[in-house]
Amino acid sequence: MGVIDLFRPKWKHSNWLFREHAVKHLRHPSQDLLLGIAMNDDNFNVRTAALDRLAEFGSNKQSGLAIAVERLNHENLLWRIVVNDGNDNLQLRLAAMEKIKSQDMLAAVAASKPKWSSRAETYCEIRVLAVKRITDQAILAEIANGGYSWPVRLAAAEKLTDQALVQPLLSEIAELRLESEKLEKRKREEDERNQANRSRRLQEQLKDNCHHDYVEIESKYCDFCRTWAYTHECQICRNRLHHICT
């Protein structure tokens, strides 16, 4: 470390490891600063860290990332924007993928996986679109026969020109699709049951501890006691008080 490093920001340090660490931990960095680092730093890892931080700004504040997509021609960095599921802006990710020409890099998009299961559906859409831009038959055959999700494999199989290879694959993928849909249905049903059980337990807890904020929800004339009968419901625990003749 040179003496000059003591008098300049860590993101300008002569050692790229210091710069990368600084970029990852900058507090409230401006988009202009991150964009400058992403475009101009001479180390790929530092530029990647800056792009990752740009992606964290949120879909309504990603002007810096949009400019980066326009200006970047480095396909590894464009790939990073596409597969970074911290970036909620699907249009920016697709714009970055449009600039990727390498068949191997598009295959790398198809092979990527989300860090969070909540992004799986969006990720599957991006991977399918990447496959549809691949023309290399060897790469398509590898994807169609690989351990990918059925929509990705189907997109690859449909682009294969060898019909003798296509038909068995389509049958296999159709079976995988059916099995996947059955698993998803069972998972949804299980999630619904778990949610219903959690709600029931919560209601029971509230009934035991609630101070009851009752409001009138129904009224009708009682023929037995010749008075108006009211039904009240607690707005917190949904416990009800019904009219009882005395």
C-alpha atoms as a PDB file:
ATOM      1  CA  MET A   1       0.000   0.000   0.000  1.00  0.00           C
ATOM      2  CA  GLY A   2       1.389   3.348  -1.050  1.00  0.00           C
ATOM      3  CA  VAL A   3       1.373   6.504   1.066  1.00  0.00           C
ATOM      4  CA  ILE A   4      -1.081   8.096  -1.347  1.00  0.00           C
ATOM      5  CA  ASP A   5      -3.654   5.427  -0.435  1.00  0.00           C
ATOM      6  CA  LEU A   6      -3.882   6.968   3.045  1.00  0.00           C
ATOM      7  CA  PHE A   7      -5.243  10.217   1.599  1.00  0.00           C
ATOM      8  CA  ARG A   8      -7.841   9.014  -0.884  1.00  0.00           C
ATOM      9  CA  PRO A   9     -11.170   7.145  -0.628  1.00  0.00           C
ATOM     10  CA  LYS A  10     -10.993   3.386  -0.256  1.00  0.00           C
ATOM     11  CA  TRP A  11     -12.870   2.925  -3.548  1.00  0.00           C
ATOM     12  CA  LYS A  12      -9.837   4.558  -5.235  1.00  0.00           C
ATOM     13  CA  HIS A  13      -7.291   2.341  -3.433  1.00  0.00           C
ATOM     14  CA  SER A  14      -4.449   0.938  -5.536  1.00  0.00           C
ATOM     15  CA  ASN A  15      -5.348  -2.605  -4.415  1.00  0.00           C
ATOM     16  CA  TRP A  16      -8.530  -3.824  -6.125  1.00  0.00           C
ATOM     17  CA  LEU A  17      -9.477  -5.951  -3.098  1.00  0.00           C
ATOM     18  CA  PHE A  18      -9.736  -2.789  -0.990  1.00  0.00           C
ATOM     19  CA  ARG A  19     -11.728  -1.095  -3.751  1.00  0.00           C
ATOM     20  CA  GLU A  20     -14.133  -4.018  -4.050  1.00  0.00           C
ATOM     21  CA  HIS A  21     -14.698  -4.122  -0.287  1.00  0.00           C
ATOM     22  CA  ALA A  22     -15.233  -0.362  -0.194  1.00  0.00           C
ATOM     23  CA  VAL A  23     -17.790  -0.426  -3.013  1.00  0.00           C
ATOM     24  CA  LYS A  24     -19.725  -3.235  -1.337  1.00  0.00           C
ATOM     25  CA  HIS A  25     -19.902  -1.308   1.929  1.00  0.00           C
ATOM     26  CA  LEU A  26     -20.335   2.297   0.787  1.00  0.00           C
ATOM     27  CA  ARG A  27     -23.014   4.006   2.855  1.00  0.00           C
ATOM     28  CA  HIS A  28     -25.652   5.782   0.754  1.00  0.00           C
ATOM     29  CA  PRO A  29     -23.532   5.951  -2.429  1.00  0.00           C
ATOM     30  CA  SER A  30     -24.798   8.100  -5.276  1.00  0.00           C
ATOM     31  CA  GLN A  31     -25.775   6.431  -8.539  1.00  0.00           C
ATOM     32  CA  ASP A  32     -23.295   8.656 -10.390  1.00  0.00           C
ATOM     33  CA  LEU A  33     -20.441   7.405  -8.224  1.00  0.00           C
ATOM     34  CA  LEU A  34     -21.387   3.749  -8.684  1.00  0.00           C
ATOM     35  CA  LEU A  35     -21.914   4.242 -12.407  1.00  0.00           C
ATOM     36  CA  GLY A  36     -18.469   5.828 -12.727  1.00  0.00           C
ATOM     37  CA  ILE A  37     -16.875   2.883 -10.922  1.00  0.00           C
ATOM     38  CA  ALA A  38     -18.842   0.351 -12.981  1.00  0.00           C
ATOM     39  CA  MET A  39     -17.774   1.989 -16.231  1.00  0.00           C
ATOM     40  CA  ASN A  40     -14.180   2.979 -15.464  1.00  0.00           C
ATOM     41  CA  ASP A  41     -12.552   0.735 -12.859  1.00  0.00           C
ATOM     42  CA  ASP A  42      -9.923  -1.502 -14.431  1.00  0.00           C
ATOM     43  CA  ASN A  43     -10.868  -4.555 -12.331  1.00  0.00           C
ATOM     44  CA  PHE A  44     -13.794  -6.765 -13.280  1.00  0.00           C
ATOM     45  CA  ASN A  45     -14.664  -7.639  -9.661  1.00  0.00           C
ATOM     46  CA  VAL A  46     -14.863  -3.985  -8.638  1.00  0.00           C
ATOM     47  CA  ARG A  47     -17.026  -3.132 -11.623  1.00  0.00           C
ATOM     48  CA  THR A  48     -19.297  -6.078 -10.799  1.00  0.00           C
ATOM     49  CA  ALA A  49     -19.629  -4.890  -7.193  1.00  0.00           C
ATOM     50  CA  ALA A  50     -20.644  -1.425  -8.436  1.00  0.00           C
ATOM     51  CA  LEU A  51     -23.268  -2.906 -10.771  1.00  0.00           C
ATOM     52  CA  ASP A  52     -24.646  -5.006  -7.923  1.00  0.00           C
ATOM     53  CA  ARG A  53     -25.018  -1.889  -5.771  1.00  0.00           C
ATOM     54  CA  LEU A  54     -26.713  -0.050  -8.636  1.00  0.00           C
ATOM     55  CA  ALA A  55     -29.228  -2.889  -8.843  1.00  0.00           C
ATOM     56  CA  GLU A  56     -30.129  -2.330  -5.181  1.00  0.00           C
ATOM     57  CA  PHE A  57     -31.562   1.141  -5.816  1.00  0.00           C
ATOM     58  CA  GLY A  58     -35.024  -0.166  -6.726  1.00  0.00           C
ATOM     59  CA  SER A  59     -36.864  -0.332 -10.016  1.00  0.00           C
ATOM     60  CA  ASN A  60     -37.989   3.319  -9.835  1.00  0.00           C
ATOM     61  CA  LYS A  61     -34.493   4.722  -9.248  1.00  0.00           C
ATOM     62  CA  GLN A  62     -32.295   2.770 -11.623  1.00  0.00           C
ATOM     63  CA  SER A  63     -31.292   5.481 -14.062  1.00  0.00           C
ATOM     64  CA  GLY A  64     -27.641   4.657 -13.355  1.00  0.00           C
ATOM     65  CA  LEU A  65     -28.120   1.004 -14.194  1.00  0.00           C
ATOM     66  CA  ALA A  66     -30.059   1.930 -17.334  1.00  0.00           C
ATOM     67  CA  ILE A  67     -27.133   4.092 -18.498  1.00  0.00           C
ATOM     68  CA  ALA A  68     -24.749   1.237 -17.721  1.00  0.00           C
ATOM     69  CA  VAL A  69     -26.810  -1.104 -19.892  1.00  0.00           C
ATOM     70  CA  GLU A  70     -26.667   1.404 -22.766  1.00  0.00           C
ATOM     71  CA  ARG A  71     -22.918   1.936 -22.546  1.00  0.00           C
ATOM     72  CA  LEU A  72     -21.617  -1.509 -21.625  1.00  0.00           C
ATOM     73  CA  ASN A  73     -20.265  -3.864 -24.260  1.00  0.00           C
ATOM     74  CA  HIS A  74     -18.492  -6.182 -21.812  1.00  0.00           C
ATOM     75  CA  GLU A  75     -20.661  -9.303 -22.028  1.00  0.00           C
ATOM     76  CA  ASN A  76     -19.584 -10.669 -18.651  1.00  0.00           C
ATOM     77  CA  LEU A  77     -20.820  -7.461 -17.008  1.00  0.00           C
ATOM     78  CA  LEU A  78     -24.035  -7.504 -19.048  1.00  0.00           C
ATOM     79  CA  TRP A  79     -24.527 -11.106 -17.934  1.00  0.00           C
ATOM     80  CA  ARG A  80     -24.124  -9.914 -14.346  1.00  0.00           C
ATOM     81  CA  ILE A  81     -26.975  -7.426 -14.779  1.00  0.00           C
ATOM     82  CA  VAL A  82     -29.202 -10.120 -16.296  1.00  0.00           C
ATOM     83  CA  VAL A  83     -28.697 -12.727 -13.565  1.00  0.00           C
ATOM     84  CA  ASN A  84     -28.631 -10.363 -10.580  1.00  0.00           C
ATOM     85  CA  ASP A  85     -31.981 -11.094  -8.948  1.00  0.00           C
ATOM     86  CA  GLY A  86     -31.477  -8.115  -6.656  1.00  0.00           C
ATOM     87  CA  ASN A  87     -32.545  -6.102  -9.700  1.00  0.00           C
ATOM     88  CA  ASP A  88     -36.349  -6.030  -9.760  1.00  0.00           C
ATOM     89  CA  ASN A  89     -36.490  -4.182 -13.086  1.00  0.00           C
ATOM     90  CA  LEU A  90     -37.202  -6.944 -15.596  1.00  0.00           C
ATOM     91  CA  GLN A  91     -37.023  -4.567 -18.567  1.00  0.00           C
ATOM     92  CA  LEU A  92     -33.454  -3.560 -17.703  1.00  0.00           C
ATOM     93  CA  ARG A  93     -32.427  -7.172 -17.364  1.00  0.00           C
ATOM     94  CA  LEU A  94     -33.935  -8.012 -20.734  1.00  0.00           C
ATOM     95  CA  ALA A  95     -32.288  -4.940 -22.298  1.00  0.00           C
ATOM     96  CA  ALA A  96     -28.928  -6.166 -21.021  1.00  0.00           C
ATOM     97  CA  MET A  97     -29.565  -9.649 -22.408  1.00  0.00           C
ATOM     98  CA  GLU A  98     -30.406  -8.195 -25.824  1.00  0.00           C
ATOM     99  CA  LYS A  99     -26.830  -6.893 -26.003  1.00  0.00           C
ATOM    100  CA  ILE A 100     -25.328 -10.325 -25.320  1.00  0.00           C
ATOM    101  CA  LYS A 101     -24.331 -12.009 -28.584  1.00  0.00           C
ATOM    102  CA  SER A 102     -22.158 -14.861 -27.338  1.00  0.00           C
ATOM    103  CA  GLN A 103     -23.908 -18.238 -27.502  1.00  0.00           C
ATOM    104  CA  ASP A 104     -21.923 -19.475 -24.516  1.00  0.00           C
ATOM    105  CA  MET A 105     -22.922 -16.419 -22.486  1.00  0.00           C
ATOM    106  CA  LEU A 106     -26.585 -16.901 -23.355  1.00  0.00           C
ATOM    107  CA  ALA A 107     -26.203 -20.534 -22.287  1.00  0.00           C
ATOM    108  CA  ALA A 108     -24.743 -19.245 -19.005  1.00  0.00           C
ATOM    109  CA  VAL A 109     -27.920 -17.159 -18.511  1.00  0.00           C
ATOM    110  CA  ALA A 110     -30.012 -20.276 -19.139  1.00  0.00           C
ATOM    111  CA  ALA A 111     -27.952 -22.197 -16.573  1.00  0.00           C
ATOM    112  CA  SER A 112     -28.110 -19.519 -13.855  1.00  0.00           C
ATOM    113  CA  LYS A 113     -30.309 -19.935 -10.772  1.00  0.00           C
ATOM    114  CA  PRO A 114     -31.979 -17.403  -8.454  1.00  0.00           C
ATOM    115  CA  LYS A 115     -30.730 -16.909  -4.910  1.00  0.00           C
ATOM    116  CA  TRP A 116     -34.274 -16.551  -3.611  1.00  0.00           C
ATOM    117  CA  SER A 117     -37.111 -18.941  -4.427  1.00  0.00           C
ATOM    118  CA  SER A 118     -39.533 -15.996  -4.630  1.00  0.00           C
ATOM    119  CA  ARG A 119     -37.776 -14.923  -7.850  1.00  0.00           C
ATOM    120  CA  ALA A 120     -37.977 -18.349  -9.508  1.00  0.00           C
ATOM    121  CA  GLU A 121     -40.877 -17.477 -11.823  1.00  0.00           C
ATOM    122  CA  THR A 122     -39.211 -14.326 -13.179  1.00  0.00           C
ATOM    123  CA  TYR A 123     -35.921 -16.168 -13.495  1.00  0.00           C
ATOM    124  CA  CYS A 124     -37.553 -18.947 -15.507  1.00  0.00           C
ATOM    125  CA  GLU A 125     -38.927 -16.359 -17.949  1.00  0.00           C
ATOM    126  CA  ILE A 126     -35.481 -14.819 -18.418  1.00  0.00           C
ATOM    127  CA  ARG A 127     -33.833 -18.220 -18.919  1.00  0.00           C
ATOM    128  CA  VAL A 128     -36.431 -19.216 -21.526  1.00  0.00           C
ATOM    129  CA  LEU A 129     -35.875 -15.961 -23.431  1.00  0.00           C
ATOM    130  CA  ALA A 130     -32.126 -16.579 -23.349  1.00  0.00           C
ATOM    131  CA  VAL A 131     -32.613 -20.060 -24.830  1.00  0.00           C
ATOM    132  CA  LYS A 132     -34.785 -18.639 -27.612  1.00  0.00           C
ATOM    133  CA  ARG A 133     -31.838 -16.466 -28.701  1.00  0.00           C
ATOM    134  CA  ILE A 134     -29.479 -19.444 -28.962  1.00  0.00           C
ATOM    135  CA  THR A 135     -28.942 -20.919 -32.425  1.00  0.00           C
ATOM    136  CA  ASP A 136     -26.050 -23.316 -31.726  1.00  0.00           C
ATOM    137  CA  GLN A 137     -27.572 -26.800 -32.058  1.00  0.00           C
ATOM    138  CA  ALA A 138     -25.003 -28.450 -29.764  1.00  0.00           C
ATOM    139  CA  ILE A 139     -25.749 -25.987 -26.954  1.00  0.00           C
ATOM    140  CA  LEU A 140     -29.502 -26.375 -27.488  1.00  0.00           C
ATOM    141  CA  ALA A 141     -29.198 -30.185 -27.366  1.00  0.00           C
ATOM    142  CA  GLU A 142     -27.207 -29.960 -24.137  1.00  0.00           C
ATOM    143  CA  ILE A 143     -29.852 -27.718 -22.526  1.00  0.00           C
ATOM    144  CA  ALA A 144     -32.759 -29.840 -23.804  1.00  0.00           C
ATOM    145  CA  ASN A 145     -31.165 -32.953 -22.272  1.00  0.00           C
ATOM    146  CA  GLY A 146     -29.893 -31.223 -19.122  1.00  0.00           C
ATOM    147  CA  GLY A 147     -31.205 -30.863 -15.594  1.00  0.00           C
ATOM    148  CA  TYR A 148     -33.093 -27.649 -16.240  1.00  0.00           C
ATOM    149  CA  SER A 149     -36.702 -26.770 -15.466  1.00  0.00           C
ATOM    150  CA  TRP A 150     -39.165 -28.040 -18.054  1.00  0.00           C
ATOM    151  CA  PRO A 151     -39.936 -24.607 -19.650  1.00  0.00           C
ATOM    152  CA  VAL A 152     -36.210 -24.086 -20.334  1.00  0.00           C
ATOM    153  CA  ARG A 153     -35.781 -27.578 -21.760  1.00  0.00           C
ATOM    154  CA  LEU A 154     -38.913 -27.188 -23.874  1.00  0.00           C
ATOM    155  CA  ALA A 155     -37.685 -23.897 -25.338  1.00  0.00           C
ATOM    156  CA  ALA A 156     -34.418 -25.611 -26.324  1.00  0.00           C
ATOM    157  CA  ALA A 157     -36.109 -28.731 -27.723  1.00  0.00           C
ATOM    158  CA  GLU A 158     -38.424 -26.676 -29.927  1.00  0.00           C
ATOM    159  CA  LYS A 159     -35.392 -25.047 -31.581  1.00  0.00           C
ATOM    160  CA  LEU A 160     -33.651 -28.320 -32.403  1.00  0.00           C
ATOM    161  CA  THR A 161     -33.658 -29.290 -36.074  1.00  0.00           C
ATOM    162  CA  ASP A 162     -32.980 -33.016 -35.541  1.00  0.00           C
ATOM    163  CA  GLN A 163     -36.549 -34.387 -35.402  1.00  0.00           C
ATOM    164  CA  ALA A 164     -35.359 -37.844 -34.356  1.00  0.00           C
ATOM    165  CA  LEU A 165     -33.989 -36.227 -31.209  1.00  0.00           C
ATOM    166  CA  VAL A 166     -36.884 -33.809 -30.717  1.00  0.00           C
ATOM    167  CA  GLN A 167     -39.833 -36.226 -30.422  1.00  0.00           C
ATOM    168  CA  PRO A 168     -38.490 -38.343 -27.491  1.00  0.00           C
ATOM    169  CA  LEU A 169     -37.448 -35.137 -25.721  1.00  0.00           C
ATOM    170  CA  LEU A 170     -40.889 -33.564 -26.096  1.00  0.00           C
ATOM    171  CA  SER A 171     -42.502 -36.668 -24.608  1.00  0.00           C
ATOM    172  CA  GLU A 172     -40.067 -36.674 -21.685  1.00  0.00           C
ATOM    173  CA  ILE A 173     -40.558 -32.945 -21.082  1.00  0.00           C
ATOM    174  CA  ALA A 174     -44.356 -33.330 -21.217  1.00  0.00           C
ATOM    175  CA  GLU A 175     -44.137 -35.908 -18.419  1.00  0.00           C
ATOM    176  CA  LEU A 176     -41.888 -33.595 -16.399  1.00  0.00           C
ATOM    177  CA  ARG A 177     -44.348 -30.752 -16.930  1.00  0.00           C
ATOM    178  CA  LEU A 178     -47.255 -32.854 -15.672  1.00  0.00           C
ATOM    179  CA  GLU A 179     -45.298 -33.983 -12.625  1.00  0.00           C
ATOM    180  CA  SER A 180     -44.150 -30.424 -11.917  1.00  0.00           C
ATOM    181  CA  GLU A 181     -47.712 -29.102 -12.094  1.00  0.00           C
ATOM    182  CA  LYS A 182     -48.878 -31.844  -9.693  1.00  0.00           C
ATOM    183  CA  LEU A 183     -46.112 -30.925  -7.235  1.00  0.00           C
ATOM    184  CA  GLU A 184     -46.972 -27.225  -7.494  1.00  0.00           C
ATOM    185  CA  LYS A 185     -50.653 -27.985  -6.880  1.00  0.00           C
ATOM    186  CA  ARG A 186     -49.817 -30.069  -3.809  1.00  0.00           C
ATOM    187  CA  LYS A 187     -47.541 -27.311  -2.532  1.00  0.00           C
ATOM    188  CA  ARG A 188     -50.259 -24.664  -3.010  1.00  0.00           C
ATOM    189  CA  GLU A 189     -52.772 -26.847  -1.172  1.00  0.00           C
ATOM    190  CA  GLU A 190     -50.287 -27.443   1.650  1.00  0.00           C
ATOM    191  CA  ASP A 191     -49.515 -23.720   1.876  1.00  0.00           C
ATOM    192  CA  GLU A 192     -53.247 -22.948   2.031  1.00  0.00           C
ATOM    193  CA  ARG A 193     -53.743 -25.505   4.818  1.00  0.00           C
ATOM    194  CA  ASN A 194     -50.781 -24.115   6.755  1.00  0.00           C
ATOM    195  CA  GLN A 195     -52.077 -20.574   6.336  1.00  0.00           C
ATOM    196  CA  ALA A 196     -55.552 -21.628   7.510  1.00  0.00           C
ATOM    197  CA  ASN A 197     -54.015 -23.335  10.557  1.00  0.00           C
ATOM    198  CA  ARG A 198     -51.914 -20.265  11.374  1.00  0.00           C
ATOM    199  CA  SER A 199     -54.976 -18.027  11.058  1.00  0.00           C
ATOM    200  CA  ARG A 200     -57.015 -20.351  13.279  1.00  0.00           C
ATOM    201  CA  ARG A 201     -54.284 -20.406  15.958  1.00  0.00           C
ATOM    202  CA  LEU A 202     -53.989 -16.628  15.779  1.00  0.00           C
ATOM    203  CA  GLN A 203     -57.743 -16.196  16.178  1.00  0.00           C
ATOM    204  CA  GLU A 204     -57.691 -18.489  19.215  1.00  0.00           C
ATOM    205  CA  GLN A 205     -54.871 -16.479  20.772  1.00  0.00           C
ATOM    206  CA  LEU A 206     -56.676 -13.228  20.086  1.00  0.00           C
ATOM    207  CA  LYS A 207     -59.889 -14.504  21.615  1.00  0.00           C
ATOM    208  CA  ASP A 208     -58.016 -15.393  24.801  1.00  0.00           C
ATOM    209  CA  ASN A 209     -56.193 -12.055  25.026  1.00  0.00           C
ATOM    210  CA  CYS A 210     -58.330  -9.575  23.090  1.00  0.00           C
ATOM    211  CA  HIS A 211     -60.029  -6.635  24.859  1.00  0.00           C
ATOM    212  CA  HIS A 212     -62.714  -6.683  22.131  1.00  0.00           C
ATOM    213  CA  ASP A 213     -63.527  -3.667  20.031  1.00  0.00           C
ATOM    214  CA  TYR A 214     -67.132  -4.527  19.147  1.00  0.00           C
ATOM    215  CA  VAL A 215     -69.132  -2.883  16.375  1.00  0.00           C
ATOM    216  CA  GLU A 216     -72.655  -3.610  15.225  1.00  0.00           C
ATOM    217  CA  ILE A 217     -72.768  -5.704  12.059  1.00  0.00           C
ATOM    218  CA  GLU A 218     -76.406  -6.877  11.974  1.00  0.00           C
ATOM    219  CA  SER A 219     -79.797  -6.054  13.474  1.00  0.00           C
ATOM    220  CA  LYS A 220     -83.254  -7.626  13.169  1.00  0.00           C
ATOM    221  CA  TYR A 221     -86.512  -7.690  15.078  1.00  0.00           C
ATOM    222  CA  CYS A 222     -86.837 -10.529  17.597  1.00  0.00           C
ATOM    223  CA  ASP A 223     -90.326 -12.044  17.466  1.00  0.00           C
ATOM    224  CA  PHE A 224     -89.847 -13.741  20.837  1.00  0.00           C
ATOM    225  CA  CYS A 225     -88.960 -10.800  23.081  1.00  0.00           C
ATOM    226  CA  ARG A 226     -90.453  -8.108  20.811  1.00  0.00           C
ATOM    227  CA  THR A 227     -87.260  -6.012  20.729  1.00  0.00           C
ATOM    228  CA  TRP A 228     -84.497  -5.339  18.234  1.00  0.00           C
ATOM    229  CA  ALA A 229     -81.837  -8.048  18.215  1.00  0.00           C
ATOM    230  CA  TYR A 230     -78.270  -6.871  17.542  1.00  0.00           C
ATOM    231  CA  THR A 231     -75.177  -8.819  16.559  1.00  0.00           C
ATOM    232  CA  HIS A 232     -71.774  -7.266  17.316  1.00  0.00           C
ATOM    233  CA  GLU A 233     -68.350  -8.351  16.075  1.00  0.00           C
ATOM    234  CA  CYS A 234     -64.884  -7.561  17.426  1.00  0.00           C
ATOM    235  CA  GLN A 235     -62.798  -5.834  14.769  1.00  0.00           C
ATOM    236  CA  ILE A 236     -59.623  -7.466  16.088  1.00  0.00           C
ATOM    237  CA  CYS A 237     -60.397 -11.109  16.845  1.00  0.00           C
ATOM    238  CA  ARG A 238     -63.740 -11.398  14.971  1.00  0.00           C
ATOM    239  CA  ASN A 239     -65.477 -12.753  18.072  1.00  0.00           C
ATOM    240  CA  ARG A 240     -69.258 -12.192  17.858  1.00  0.00           C
ATOM    241  CA  LEU A 241     -71.896 -11.300  20.436  1.00  0.00           C
ATOM    242  CA  HIS A 242     -75.386 -12.395  19.468  1.00  0.00           C
ATOM    243  CA  HIS A 243     -78.727 -11.292  20.861  1.00  0.00           C
ATOM    244  CA  ILE A 244     -79.953 -13.550  23.652  1.00  0.00           C
ATOM    245  CA  CYS A 245     -83.507 -13.270  24.928  1.00  0.00           C
ATOM    246  CA  THR A 246     -83.846 -12.891  28.704  1.00  0.00           C
END
